[in-house]
Amino acid sequence: MTEATPVSHEQLLTQWLSWMKAHPDWAKELLAESTDREKVNDPHTSKTDL
């Protein structure tokens, strides 16, 4: 088995942003799901806000 080359946080962020630009529809859906999950987990958000 070969060792994985370490990747810096900056490289990961750059790759992530490139992916989001290349797949805008998926990126929007992913971000929407993330936002919805945060609202559900936020005790200050009422269920009617969802």
PDB file of N, CA and C in Angstrom:
ATOM      1  N   MET A   1       0.851  -1.188   0.000  1.00  0.00           N
ATOM      2  CA  MET A   1       0.000   0.000   0.000  1.00  0.00           C
ATOM      3  C   MET A   1       0.891   1.243   0.000  1.00  0.00           C
ATOM      4  N   THR A   2       0.549   2.223  -0.816  1.00  0.00           N
ATOM      5  CA  THR A   2       1.344   3.445  -0.869  1.00  0.00           C
ATOM      6  C   THR A   2       0.796   4.453   0.121  1.00  0.00           C
ATOM      7  N   GLU A   3       1.688   5.292   0.598  1.00  0.00           N
ATOM      8  CA  GLU A   3       1.266   6.325   1.547  1.00  0.00           C
ATOM      9  C   GLU A   3       0.610   7.477   0.801  1.00  0.00           C
ATOM     10  N   ALA A   4      -0.397   8.050   1.411  1.00  0.00           N
ATOM     11  CA  ALA A   4      -1.064   9.204   0.817  1.00  0.00           C
ATOM     12  C   ALA A   4      -0.193  10.444   1.011  1.00  0.00           C
ATOM     13  N   THR A   5      -0.170  11.280   0.005  1.00  0.00           N
ATOM     14  CA  THR A   5       0.576  12.527   0.103  1.00  0.00           C
ATOM     15  C   THR A   5      -0.238  13.493   0.951  1.00  0.00           C
ATOM     16  N   PRO A   6       0.392  14.108   1.951  1.00  0.00           N
ATOM     17  CA  PRO A   6      -0.355  15.058   2.782  1.00  0.00           C
ATOM     18  C   PRO A   6      -0.836  16.253   1.946  1.00  0.00           C
ATOM     19  N   VAL A   7      -2.035  16.703   2.242  1.00  0.00           N
ATOM     20  CA  VAL A   7      -2.618  17.834   1.525  1.00  0.00           C
ATOM     21  C   VAL A   7      -2.890  18.933   2.541  1.00  0.00           C
ATOM     22  N   SER A   8      -2.505  20.153   2.199  1.00  0.00           N
ATOM     23  CA  SER A   8      -2.714  21.270   3.119  1.00  0.00           C
ATOM     24  C   SER A   8      -4.183  21.690   3.114  1.00  0.00           C
ATOM     25  N   HIS A   9      -4.567  22.419   4.144  1.00  0.00           N
ATOM     26  CA  HIS A   9      -5.937  22.931   4.217  1.00  0.00           C
ATOM     27  C   HIS A   9      -6.219  23.847   3.027  1.00  0.00           C
ATOM     28  N   GLU A  10      -5.212  24.618   2.635  1.00  0.00           N
ATOM     29  CA  GLU A  10      -5.383  25.529   1.502  1.00  0.00           C
ATOM     30  C   GLU A  10      -5.652  24.750   0.209  1.00  0.00           C
ATOM     31  N   GLN A  11      -4.940  23.642   0.010  1.00  0.00           N
ATOM     32  CA  GLN A  11      -5.164  22.811  -1.177  1.00  0.00           C
ATOM     33  C   GLN A  11      -6.564  22.201  -1.154  1.00  0.00           C
ATOM     34  N   LEU A  12      -6.997  21.734   0.014  1.00  0.00           N
ATOM     35  CA  LEU A  12      -8.340  21.161   0.125  1.00  0.00           C
ATOM     36  C   LEU A  12      -9.413  22.204  -0.177  1.00  0.00           C
ATOM     37  N   LEU A  13      -9.228  23.407   0.357  1.00  0.00           N
ATOM     38  CA  LEU A  13     -10.193  24.476   0.117  1.00  0.00           C
ATOM     39  C   LEU A  13     -10.241  24.831  -1.367  1.00  0.00           C
ATOM     40  N   THR A  14      -9.071  24.912  -1.992  1.00  0.00           N
ATOM     41  CA  THR A  14      -9.004  25.221  -3.419  1.00  0.00           C
ATOM     42  C   THR A  14      -9.708  24.147  -4.240  1.00  0.00           C
ATOM     43  N   GLN A  15      -9.478  22.884  -3.897  1.00  0.00           N
ATOM     44  CA  GLN A  15     -10.139  21.784  -4.606  1.00  0.00           C
ATOM     45  C   GLN A  15     -11.653  21.849  -4.410  1.00  0.00           C
ATOM     46  N   TRP A  16     -12.075  22.121  -3.184  1.00  0.00           N
ATOM     47  CA  TRP A  16     -13.507  22.203  -2.873  1.00  0.00           C
ATOM     48  C   TRP A  16     -14.170  23.335  -3.663  1.00  0.00           C
ATOM     49  N   LEU A  17     -13.525  24.503  -3.692  1.00  0.00           N
ATOM     50  CA  LEU A  17     -14.093  25.629  -4.429  1.00  0.00           C
ATOM     51  C   LEU A  17     -14.143  25.342  -5.925  1.00  0.00           C
ATOM     52  N   SER A  18     -13.124  24.681  -6.443  1.00  0.00           N
ATOM     53  CA  SER A  18     -13.115  24.300  -7.861  1.00  0.00           C
ATOM     54  C   SER A  18     -14.266  23.347  -8.164  1.00  0.00           C
ATOM     55  N   TRP A  19     -14.490  22.400  -7.271  1.00  0.00           N
ATOM     56  CA  TRP A  19     -15.588  21.444  -7.457  1.00  0.00           C
ATOM     57  C   TRP A  19     -16.924  22.178  -7.450  1.00  0.00           C
ATOM     58  N   MET A  20     -17.086  23.119  -6.516  1.00  0.00           N
ATOM     59  CA  MET A  20     -18.350  23.852  -6.422  1.00  0.00           C
ATOM     60  C   MET A  20     -18.605  24.671  -7.691  1.00  0.00           C
ATOM     61  N   LYS A  21     -17.543  25.271  -8.248  1.00  0.00           N
ATOM     62  CA  LYS A  21     -17.697  26.038  -9.488  1.00  0.00           C
ATOM     63  C   LYS A  21     -18.035  25.122 -10.661  1.00  0.00           C
ATOM     64  N   ALA A  22     -17.457  23.932 -10.672  1.00  0.00           N
ATOM     65  CA  ALA A  22     -17.681  22.988 -11.770  1.00  0.00           C
ATOM     66  C   ALA A  22     -19.052  22.318 -11.690  1.00  0.00           C
ATOM     67  N   HIS A  23     -19.630  22.257 -10.502  1.00  0.00           N
ATOM     68  CA  HIS A  23     -20.921  21.580 -10.294  1.00  0.00           C
ATOM     69  C   HIS A  23     -21.866  22.498  -9.509  1.00  0.00           C
ATOM     70  N   PRO A  24     -22.269  23.624 -10.090  1.00  0.00           N
ATOM     71  CA  PRO A  24     -23.066  24.605  -9.335  1.00  0.00           C
ATOM     72  C   PRO A  24     -24.398  24.072  -8.819  1.00  0.00           C
ATOM     73  N   ASP A  25     -25.062  23.215  -9.585  1.00  0.00           N
ATOM     74  CA  ASP A  25     -26.358  22.687  -9.125  1.00  0.00           C
ATOM     75  C   ASP A  25     -26.178  21.803  -7.898  1.00  0.00           C
ATOM     76  N   TRP A  26     -25.179  20.936  -7.934  1.00  0.00           N
ATOM     77  CA  TRP A  26     -24.909  20.073  -6.786  1.00  0.00           C
ATOM     78  C   TRP A  26     -24.473  20.910  -5.587  1.00  0.00           C
ATOM     79  N   ALA A  27     -23.659  21.926  -5.850  1.00  0.00           N
ATOM     80  CA  ALA A  27     -23.170  22.771  -4.765  1.00  0.00           C
ATOM     81  C   ALA A  27     -24.337  23.475  -4.064  1.00  0.00           C
ATOM     82  N   LYS A  28     -25.275  24.015  -4.847  1.00  0.00           N
ATOM     83  CA  LYS A  28     -26.441  24.692  -4.262  1.00  0.00           C
ATOM     84  C   LYS A  28     -27.260  23.729  -3.416  1.00  0.00           C
ATOM     85  N   GLU A  29     -27.456  22.527  -3.938  1.00  0.00           N
ATOM     86  CA  GLU A  29     -28.235  21.526  -3.203  1.00  0.00           C
ATOM     87  C   GLU A  29     -27.533  21.138  -1.901  1.00  0.00           C
ATOM     88  N   LEU A  30     -26.228  20.934  -1.983  1.00  0.00           N
ATOM     89  CA  LEU A  30     -25.455  20.561  -0.803  1.00  0.00           C
ATOM     90  C   LEU A  30     -25.495  21.666   0.247  1.00  0.00           C
ATOM     91  N   LEU A  31     -25.323  22.910  -0.177  1.00  0.00           N
ATOM     92  CA  LEU A  31     -25.356  24.027   0.762  1.00  0.00           C
ATOM     93  C   LEU A  31     -26.751  24.200   1.357  1.00  0.00           C
ATOM     94  N   ALA A  32     -27.790  23.974   0.572  1.00  0.00           N
ATOM     95  CA  ALA A  32     -29.163  24.075   1.083  1.00  0.00           C
ATOM     96  C   ALA A  32     -29.412  23.014   2.144  1.00  0.00           C
ATOM     97  N   GLU A  33     -28.955  21.792   1.888  1.00  0.00           N
ATOM     98  CA  GLU A  33     -29.122  20.719   2.875  1.00  0.00           C
ATOM     99  C   GLU A  33     -28.371  21.048   4.154  1.00  0.00           C
ATOM    100  N   SER A  34     -27.176  21.599   4.015  1.00  0.00           N
ATOM    101  CA  SER A  34     -26.368  21.953   5.175  1.00  0.00           C
ATOM    102  C   SER A  34     -27.070  23.028   6.002  1.00  0.00           C
ATOM    103  N   THR A  35     -27.629  24.030   5.320  1.00  0.00           N
ATOM    104  CA  THR A  35     -28.335  25.111   6.008  1.00  0.00           C
ATOM    105  C   THR A  35     -29.567  24.576   6.723  1.00  0.00           C
ATOM    106  N   ASP A  36     -30.327  23.707   6.058  1.00  0.00           N
ATOM    107  CA  ASP A  36     -31.513  23.115   6.686  1.00  0.00           C
ATOM    108  C   ASP A  36     -31.127  22.321   7.924  1.00  0.00           C
ATOM    109  N   ARG A  37     -30.042  21.576   7.858  1.00  0.00           N
ATOM    110  CA  ARG A  37     -29.591  20.766   8.989  1.00  0.00           C
ATOM    111  C   ARG A  37     -29.208  21.673  10.160  1.00  0.00           C
ATOM    112  N   GLU A  38     -28.545  22.802   9.864  1.00  0.00           N
ATOM    113  CA  GLU A  38     -28.164  23.733  10.927  1.00  0.00           C
ATOM    114  C   GLU A  38     -29.404  24.313  11.597  1.00  0.00           C
ATOM    115  N   LYS A  39     -30.432  24.626  10.806  1.00  0.00           N
ATOM    116  CA  LYS A  39     -31.670  25.172  11.375  1.00  0.00           C
ATOM    117  C   LYS A  39     -32.327  24.154  12.303  1.00  0.00           C
ATOM    118  N   VAL A  40     -32.344  22.898  11.886  1.00  0.00           N
ATOM    119  CA  VAL A  40     -32.962  21.845  12.694  1.00  0.00           C
ATOM    120  C   VAL A  40     -32.207  21.677  14.006  1.00  0.00           C
ATOM    121  N   ASN A  41     -30.893  21.801  13.964  1.00  0.00           N
ATOM    122  CA  ASN A  41     -30.072  21.600  15.156  1.00  0.00           C
ATOM    123  C   ASN A  41     -29.939  22.850  16.012  1.00  0.00           C
ATOM    124  N   ASP A  42     -30.446  23.993  15.542  1.00  0.00           N
ATOM    125  CA  ASP A  42     -30.331  25.246  16.282  1.00  0.00           C
ATOM    126  C   ASP A  42     -31.540  25.401  17.205  1.00  0.00           C
ATOM    127  N   PRO A  43     -31.316  25.400  18.523  1.00  0.00           N
ATOM    128  CA  PRO A  43     -32.446  25.508  19.454  1.00  0.00           C
ATOM    129  C   PRO A  43     -33.162  26.855  19.368  1.00  0.00           C
ATOM    130  N   HIS A  44     -32.535  27.864  18.742  1.00  0.00           N
ATOM    131  CA  HIS A  44     -33.141  29.190  18.642  1.00  0.00           C
ATOM    132  C   HIS A  44     -34.026  29.330  17.404  1.00  0.00           C
ATOM    133  N   THR A  45     -34.054  28.316  16.557  1.00  0.00           N
ATOM    134  CA  THR A  45     -34.883  28.339  15.356  1.00  0.00           C
ATOM    135  C   THR A  45     -36.184  27.607  15.652  1.00  0.00           C
ATOM    136  N   SER A  46     -37.290  28.295  15.404  1.00  0.00           N
ATOM    137  CA  SER A  46     -38.573  27.622  15.620  1.00  0.00           C
ATOM    138  C   SER A  46     -38.849  26.694  14.447  1.00  0.00           C
ATOM    139  N   LYS A  47     -39.647  25.678  14.670  1.00  0.00           N
ATOM    140  CA  LYS A  47     -39.961  24.710  13.621  1.00  0.00           C
ATOM    141  C   LYS A  47     -40.740  25.367  12.480  1.00  0.00           C
ATOM    142  N   THR A  48     -41.400  26.500  12.737  1.00  0.00           N
ATOM    143  CA  THR A  48     -42.145  27.175  11.679  1.00  0.00           C
ATOM    144  C   THR A  48     -41.212  27.902  10.721  1.00  0.00           C
ATOM    145  N   ASP A  49     -39.957  28.151  11.125  1.00  0.00           N
ATOM    146  CA  ASP A  49     -38.987  28.802  10.246  1.00  0.00           C
ATOM    147  C   ASP A  49     -38.514  27.865   9.151  1.00  0.00           C
ATOM    148  N   LEU A  50     -38.686  26.561   9.347  1.00  0.00           N
ATOM    149  CA  LEU A  50     -38.223  25.580   8.370  1.00  0.00           C
ATOM    150  C   LEU A  50     -39.218  25.533   7.267  1.00  0.00           C
TER     151      LEU A  50
END
